Amino acid sequence: MGTPLTAHFLGGCPIGADAESGVIDPYHRLYGHPGISVVDGSAVSANLGVNPSLTITAQAERAMSFWPNKGEGDPRPAQGEAYRRLPAVAPRKPAVPEDAFGALRLPFLGMPPVPPKAKR
């Protein structure tokens, strides 16, 4: 066939600038249903031709990075307003300790260096 294929069902909720062009907005909020976000494979907009798990994870992490902490205002523009690039919301109580290798570091400045493998 010459076309990349995947056996995974993807793309049932395309991202669009408005309800006419998509099911969810660029921040993964479902149009017409405040409070519902779509962060699974249905938000992947194209057939990747490979296992989509890392793409789904990356999109979900990006969407969750904009959620406000409890009691804080929502930094995302209202639905219907133009898309704008936002910084990630820093968690008040991160689940991973701040001094851990895998800790969230904001702003994202590329990939952290991976320590060399210990010699045996």
N, C-alpha and C. Protein backbone atom coordinates (compact mmCIF):
# COMPACT_ATOMS: atom_id res chain seq x y z
N MET A 1 0.82 -1.20 0.00
CA MET A 1 0.00 0.00 0.00
C MET A 1 0.86 1.26 0.00
N GLY A 2 2.01 1.23 0.67
CA GLY A 2 2.87 2.40 0.71
C GLY A 2 2.43 3.48 1.68
N THR A 3 1.42 3.19 2.50
CA THR A 3 0.90 4.17 3.46
C THR A 3 1.12 3.65 4.87
N PRO A 4 1.66 4.48 5.77
CA PRO A 4 1.81 4.02 7.15
C PRO A 4 0.44 3.72 7.76
N LEU A 5 0.33 2.62 8.45
CA LEU A 5 -0.93 2.23 9.08
C LEU A 5 -0.73 1.93 10.55
N THR A 6 -1.79 2.04 11.29
CA THR A 6 -1.79 1.61 12.68
C THR A 6 -3.11 0.92 12.96
N ALA A 7 -3.10 -0.04 13.85
CA ALA A 7 -4.32 -0.76 14.21
C ALA A 7 -5.11 -0.03 15.29
N HIS A 8 -4.62 1.12 15.71
CA HIS A 8 -5.25 1.87 16.79
C HIS A 8 -6.27 2.85 16.24
N PHE A 9 -7.40 2.95 16.91
CA PHE A 9 -8.42 3.92 16.51
C PHE A 9 -8.02 5.29 17.03
N LEU A 10 -7.93 6.26 16.14
CA LEU A 10 -7.48 7.60 16.50
C LEU A 10 -8.36 8.65 15.85
N GLY A 11 -8.34 9.85 16.41
CA GLY A 11 -8.90 11.00 15.73
C GLY A 11 -10.39 11.22 15.80
N GLY A 12 -11.11 10.61 16.71
CA GLY A 12 -12.55 10.82 16.79
C GLY A 12 -12.95 12.19 17.30
N CYS A 13 -12.04 12.89 17.95
CA CYS A 13 -12.32 14.23 18.51
C CYS A 13 -11.24 15.20 18.03
N PRO A 14 -11.29 15.62 16.78
CA PRO A 14 -10.23 16.49 16.26
C PRO A 14 -10.17 17.84 16.97
N ILE A 15 -8.96 18.37 17.07
CA ILE A 15 -8.73 19.69 17.65
C ILE A 15 -9.07 20.73 16.59
N GLY A 16 -9.86 21.74 16.97
CA GLY A 16 -10.22 22.80 16.03
C GLY A 16 -10.27 24.15 16.71
N ALA A 17 -10.21 25.20 15.90
CA ALA A 17 -10.25 26.57 16.42
C ALA A 17 -11.62 26.92 16.98
N ASP A 18 -12.66 26.22 16.53
CA ASP A 18 -14.02 26.46 17.01
C ASP A 18 -14.83 25.18 16.84
N ALA A 19 -16.07 25.19 17.31
CA ALA A 19 -16.91 23.99 17.26
C ALA A 19 -17.24 23.58 15.83
N GLU A 20 -17.15 24.49 14.89
CA GLU A 20 -17.41 24.16 13.48
C GLU A 20 -16.27 23.35 12.87
N SER A 21 -15.05 23.56 13.37
CA SER A 21 -13.89 22.90 12.76
C SER A 21 -13.29 21.78 13.61
N GLY A 22 -13.81 21.56 14.81
CA GLY A 22 -13.29 20.50 15.66
C GLY A 22 -14.22 20.17 16.80
N VAL A 23 -13.87 19.15 17.53
CA VAL A 23 -14.66 18.70 18.68
C VAL A 23 -14.09 19.27 19.98
N ILE A 24 -12.77 19.43 20.02
CA ILE A 24 -12.11 19.99 21.20
C ILE A 24 -11.27 21.20 20.79
N ASP A 25 -11.02 22.08 21.76
CA ASP A 25 -10.20 23.26 21.47
C ASP A 25 -8.72 22.92 21.62
N PRO A 26 -7.81 23.84 21.31
CA PRO A 26 -6.38 23.54 21.40
C PRO A 26 -5.88 23.19 22.81
N TYR A 27 -6.72 23.39 23.81
CA TYR A 27 -6.36 23.03 25.19
C TYR A 27 -7.07 21.75 25.62
N HIS A 28 -7.68 21.04 24.66
CA HIS A 28 -8.34 19.74 24.84
C HIS A 28 -9.67 19.82 25.58
N ARG A 29 -10.30 21.00 25.63
CA ARG A 29 -11.61 21.14 26.27
C ARG A 29 -12.69 20.86 25.23
N LEU A 30 -13.70 20.09 25.62
CA LEU A 30 -14.79 19.71 24.72
C LEU A 30 -15.70 20.90 24.48
N TYR A 31 -15.91 21.25 23.20
CA TYR A 31 -16.79 22.37 22.88
C TYR A 31 -18.22 22.09 23.36
N GLY A 32 -18.83 23.07 23.99
CA GLY A 32 -20.21 22.97 24.44
C GLY A 32 -20.41 22.25 25.75
N HIS A 33 -19.35 21.73 26.33
CA HIS A 33 -19.46 21.00 27.59
C HIS A 33 -18.34 21.43 28.53
N PRO A 34 -18.50 22.55 29.21
CA PRO A 34 -17.45 23.04 30.11
C PRO A 34 -17.08 22.00 31.16
N GLY A 35 -15.81 21.90 31.43
CA GLY A 35 -15.34 20.97 32.45
C GLY A 35 -14.96 19.59 31.94
N ILE A 36 -15.23 19.29 30.67
CA ILE A 36 -14.85 17.99 30.12
C ILE A 36 -13.66 18.19 29.19
N SER A 37 -12.61 17.42 29.43
CA SER A 37 -11.42 17.45 28.58
C SER A 37 -11.21 16.09 27.94
N VAL A 38 -10.72 16.07 26.72
CA VAL A 38 -10.45 14.83 25.99
C VAL A 38 -8.93 14.71 25.84
N VAL A 39 -8.35 13.71 26.49
CA VAL A 39 -6.89 13.58 26.47
C VAL A 39 -6.46 12.15 26.14
N ASP A 40 -7.19 11.50 25.25
CA ASP A 40 -6.82 10.15 24.85
C ASP A 40 -6.53 10.12 23.35
N GLY A 41 -6.48 8.94 22.76
CA GLY A 41 -6.15 8.79 21.35
C GLY A 41 -7.13 9.46 20.41
N SER A 42 -8.33 9.74 20.86
CA SER A 42 -9.29 10.40 19.97
C SER A 42 -8.87 11.83 19.64
N ALA A 43 -7.94 12.40 20.42
CA ALA A 43 -7.45 13.76 20.15
C ALA A 43 -6.26 13.77 19.19
N VAL A 44 -5.73 12.60 18.85
CA VAL A 44 -4.61 12.53 17.89
C VAL A 44 -5.19 12.78 16.50
N SER A 45 -4.65 13.76 15.81
CA SER A 45 -5.28 14.24 14.58
C SER A 45 -4.93 13.47 13.31
N ALA A 46 -3.97 12.57 13.36
CA ALA A 46 -3.57 11.87 12.14
C ALA A 46 -3.11 10.46 12.46
N ASN A 47 -3.14 9.60 11.45
CA ASN A 47 -2.60 8.25 11.58
C ASN A 47 -1.09 8.37 11.64
N LEU A 48 -0.50 7.95 12.73
CA LEU A 48 0.93 8.11 12.94
C LEU A 48 1.75 7.03 12.25
N GLY A 49 1.14 5.90 11.98
CA GLY A 49 1.87 4.80 11.37
C GLY A 49 2.74 4.03 12.34
N VAL A 50 2.70 4.42 13.61
CA VAL A 50 3.46 3.74 14.67
C VAL A 50 2.55 3.67 15.89
N ASN A 51 3.00 2.96 16.92
CA ASN A 51 2.24 2.90 18.15
C ASN A 51 2.06 4.32 18.69
N PRO A 52 0.83 4.74 18.96
CA PRO A 52 0.58 6.13 19.35
C PRO A 52 0.73 6.45 20.83
N SER A 53 1.17 5.49 21.65
CA SER A 53 1.15 5.71 23.10
C SER A 53 1.98 6.91 23.54
N LEU A 54 3.16 7.13 22.96
CA LEU A 54 3.97 8.28 23.38
C LEU A 54 3.35 9.60 22.94
N THR A 55 2.74 9.62 21.76
CA THR A 55 2.07 10.84 21.29
C THR A 55 0.88 11.16 22.18
N ILE A 56 0.10 10.14 22.53
CA ILE A 56 -1.05 10.34 23.42
C ILE A 56 -0.57 10.86 24.78
N THR A 57 0.50 10.28 25.30
CA THR A 57 1.04 10.72 26.59
C THR A 57 1.50 12.17 26.52
N ALA A 58 2.21 12.52 25.45
CA ALA A 58 2.71 13.90 25.30
C ALA A 58 1.56 14.89 25.20
N GLN A 59 0.53 14.56 24.42
CA GLN A 59 -0.62 15.47 24.31
C GLN A 59 -1.34 15.60 25.64
N ALA A 60 -1.50 14.49 26.36
CA ALA A 60 -2.18 14.54 27.66
C ALA A 60 -1.37 15.35 28.66
N GLU A 61 -0.05 15.16 28.68
CA GLU A 61 0.79 15.95 29.60
C GLU A 61 0.69 17.43 29.28
N ARG A 62 0.71 17.77 28.00
CA ARG A 62 0.60 19.18 27.60
C ARG A 62 -0.73 19.75 28.07
N ALA A 63 -1.83 19.02 27.82
CA ALA A 63 -3.15 19.50 28.22
C ALA A 63 -3.25 19.70 29.73
N MET A 64 -2.72 18.74 30.49
CA MET A 64 -2.79 18.84 31.95
C MET A 64 -1.89 19.94 32.50
N SER A 65 -0.84 20.30 31.76
CA SER A 65 0.08 21.33 32.25
C SER A 65 -0.57 22.71 32.31
N PHE A 66 -1.72 22.87 31.67
CA PHE A 66 -2.42 24.16 31.70
C PHE A 66 -3.53 24.20 32.75
N TRP A 67 -3.84 23.06 33.38
CA TRP A 67 -4.89 23.06 34.38
C TRP A 67 -4.42 23.87 35.58
N PRO A 68 -5.30 24.73 36.09
CA PRO A 68 -4.91 25.53 37.26
C PRO A 68 -4.87 24.68 38.53
N ASN A 69 -4.09 25.12 39.48
CA ASN A 69 -4.12 24.50 40.80
C ASN A 69 -5.46 24.83 41.45
N LYS A 70 -5.90 24.00 42.37
CA LYS A 70 -7.17 24.22 43.06
C LYS A 70 -7.18 25.61 43.69
N GLY A 71 -8.25 26.35 43.42
CA GLY A 71 -8.41 27.68 43.98
C GLY A 71 -7.77 28.79 43.16
N GLU A 72 -7.07 28.45 42.09
CA GLU A 72 -6.44 29.46 41.24
C GLU A 72 -7.26 29.67 39.97
N GLY A 73 -7.09 30.82 39.35
CA GLY A 73 -7.78 31.12 38.10
C GLY A 73 -7.25 30.29 36.94
N ASP A 74 -8.10 30.09 35.96
CA ASP A 74 -7.73 29.31 34.78
C ASP A 74 -6.96 30.21 33.81
N PRO A 75 -5.70 29.87 33.49
CA PRO A 75 -4.91 30.72 32.59
C PRO A 75 -5.29 30.58 31.12
N ARG A 76 -6.07 29.55 30.79
CA ARG A 76 -6.43 29.33 29.39
C ARG A 76 -7.48 30.35 28.95
N PRO A 77 -7.40 30.81 27.69
CA PRO A 77 -8.43 31.72 27.21
C PRO A 77 -9.78 31.01 27.17
N ALA A 78 -10.85 31.79 27.24
CA ALA A 78 -12.19 31.21 27.15
C ALA A 78 -12.38 30.56 25.79
N GLN A 79 -13.23 29.53 25.74
CA GLN A 79 -13.51 28.91 24.45
C GLN A 79 -14.08 29.95 23.50
N GLY A 80 -13.63 29.91 22.26
CA GLY A 80 -14.06 30.89 21.28
C GLY A 80 -13.05 32.00 21.09
N GLU A 81 -12.18 32.21 22.08
CA GLU A 81 -11.12 33.20 21.93
C GLU A 81 -9.95 32.57 21.17
N ALA A 82 -9.12 33.41 20.59
CA ALA A 82 -7.99 32.93 19.80
C ALA A 82 -7.00 32.14 20.66
N TYR A 83 -6.37 31.16 20.03
CA TYR A 83 -5.33 30.38 20.70
C TYR A 83 -4.16 31.28 21.04
N ARG A 84 -3.58 31.05 22.19
CA ARG A 84 -2.32 31.72 22.51
C ARG A 84 -1.44 30.74 23.29
N ARG A 85 -0.16 30.88 23.07
CA ARG A 85 0.80 30.00 23.74
C ARG A 85 0.88 30.38 25.21
N LEU A 86 0.81 29.38 26.07
CA LEU A 86 0.81 29.61 27.52
C LEU A 86 1.96 28.89 28.18
N PRO A 87 2.48 29.45 29.25
CA PRO A 87 3.46 28.69 30.04
C PRO A 87 2.72 27.63 30.86
N ALA A 88 3.42 26.57 31.20
CA ALA A 88 2.83 25.53 32.04
C ALA A 88 2.57 26.09 33.43
N VAL A 89 1.53 25.57 34.08
CA VAL A 89 1.19 25.97 35.45
C VAL A 89 2.03 25.12 36.40
N ALA A 90 2.80 25.77 37.23
CA ALA A 90 3.63 25.04 38.20
C ALA A 90 2.74 24.47 39.31
N PRO A 91 2.88 23.19 39.63
CA PRO A 91 2.07 22.61 40.70
C PRO A 91 2.49 23.15 42.06
N ARG A 92 1.50 23.37 42.93
CA ARG A 92 1.81 23.80 44.30
C ARG A 92 2.35 22.66 45.13
N LYS A 93 1.81 21.47 44.91
CA LYS A 93 2.24 20.29 45.66
C LYS A 93 2.59 19.18 44.66
N PRO A 94 3.79 19.22 44.07
CA PRO A 94 4.13 18.19 43.08
C PRO A 94 4.19 16.80 43.69
N ALA A 95 3.74 15.80 42.93
CA ALA A 95 3.76 14.42 43.41
C ALA A 95 5.17 13.87 43.47
N VAL A 96 6.03 14.34 42.56
CA VAL A 96 7.43 13.90 42.53
C VAL A 96 8.26 14.95 43.28
N PRO A 97 9.10 14.55 44.23
CA PRO A 97 9.90 15.53 44.97
C PRO A 97 10.73 16.42 44.05
N GLU A 98 10.87 17.68 44.42
CA GLU A 98 11.56 18.65 43.58
C GLU A 98 13.02 18.31 43.33
N ASP A 99 13.66 17.54 44.22
CA ASP A 99 15.07 17.21 44.03
C ASP A 99 15.27 15.87 43.30
N ALA A 100 14.18 15.21 42.88
CA ALA A 100 14.29 13.94 42.17
C ALA A 100 14.72 14.17 40.72
N PHE A 101 15.41 13.20 40.14
CA PHE A 101 15.87 13.32 38.76
C PHE A 101 14.69 13.56 37.81
N GLY A 102 13.57 12.90 38.06
CA GLY A 102 12.41 13.01 37.19
C GLY A 102 11.45 14.13 37.58
N ALA A 103 11.88 15.07 38.39
CA ALA A 103 11.01 16.16 38.84
C ALA A 103 10.65 17.09 37.69
N LEU A 104 9.48 17.71 37.81
CA LEU A 104 9.04 18.68 36.82
C LEU A 104 9.88 19.94 36.97
N ARG A 105 10.46 20.38 35.87
CA ARG A 105 11.26 21.60 35.88
C ARG A 105 10.66 22.58 34.89
N LEU A 106 10.21 23.72 35.40
CA LEU A 106 9.60 24.74 34.55
C LEU A 106 10.48 25.97 34.55
N PRO A 107 10.58 26.69 33.46
CA PRO A 107 10.01 26.34 32.16
C PRO A 107 10.80 25.20 31.53
N PHE A 108 10.17 24.55 30.54
CA PHE A 108 10.85 23.46 29.85
C PHE A 108 11.96 24.04 29.00
N LEU A 109 13.17 23.61 29.23
CA LEU A 109 14.32 24.12 28.48
C LEU A 109 15.05 22.99 27.78
N GLY A 110 14.32 22.10 27.18
CA GLY A 110 14.95 20.97 26.51
C GLY A 110 15.03 19.77 27.44
N MET A 111 15.69 18.76 26.97
CA MET A 111 15.82 17.52 27.73
C MET A 111 16.96 17.64 28.73
N PRO A 112 16.74 17.21 29.98
CA PRO A 112 17.84 17.23 30.95
C PRO A 112 18.88 16.17 30.56
N PRO A 113 20.13 16.38 30.90
CA PRO A 113 21.14 15.37 30.58
C PRO A 113 20.87 14.09 31.37
N VAL A 114 21.08 12.98 30.72
CA VAL A 114 20.90 11.68 31.37
C VAL A 114 22.23 11.29 31.99
N PRO A 115 22.25 10.96 33.28
CA PRO A 115 23.53 10.59 33.90
C PRO A 115 24.10 9.34 33.24
N PRO A 116 25.42 9.23 33.18
CA PRO A 116 26.03 8.05 32.56
C PRO A 116 25.70 6.79 33.35
N LYS A 117 25.64 5.70 32.63
CA LYS A 117 25.36 4.42 33.26
C LYS A 117 26.52 4.04 34.18
N ALA A 118 26.19 3.57 35.36
CA ALA A 118 27.23 3.18 36.33
C ALA A 118 28.06 2.03 35.79
N LYS A 119 29.36 2.12 35.96
CA LYS A 119 30.26 1.04 35.53
C LYS A 119 30.21 -0.08 36.55
N ARG A 120 30.30 -1.28 36.06
CA ARG A 120 30.27 -2.45 36.95
C ARG A 120 31.64 -2.94 37.22
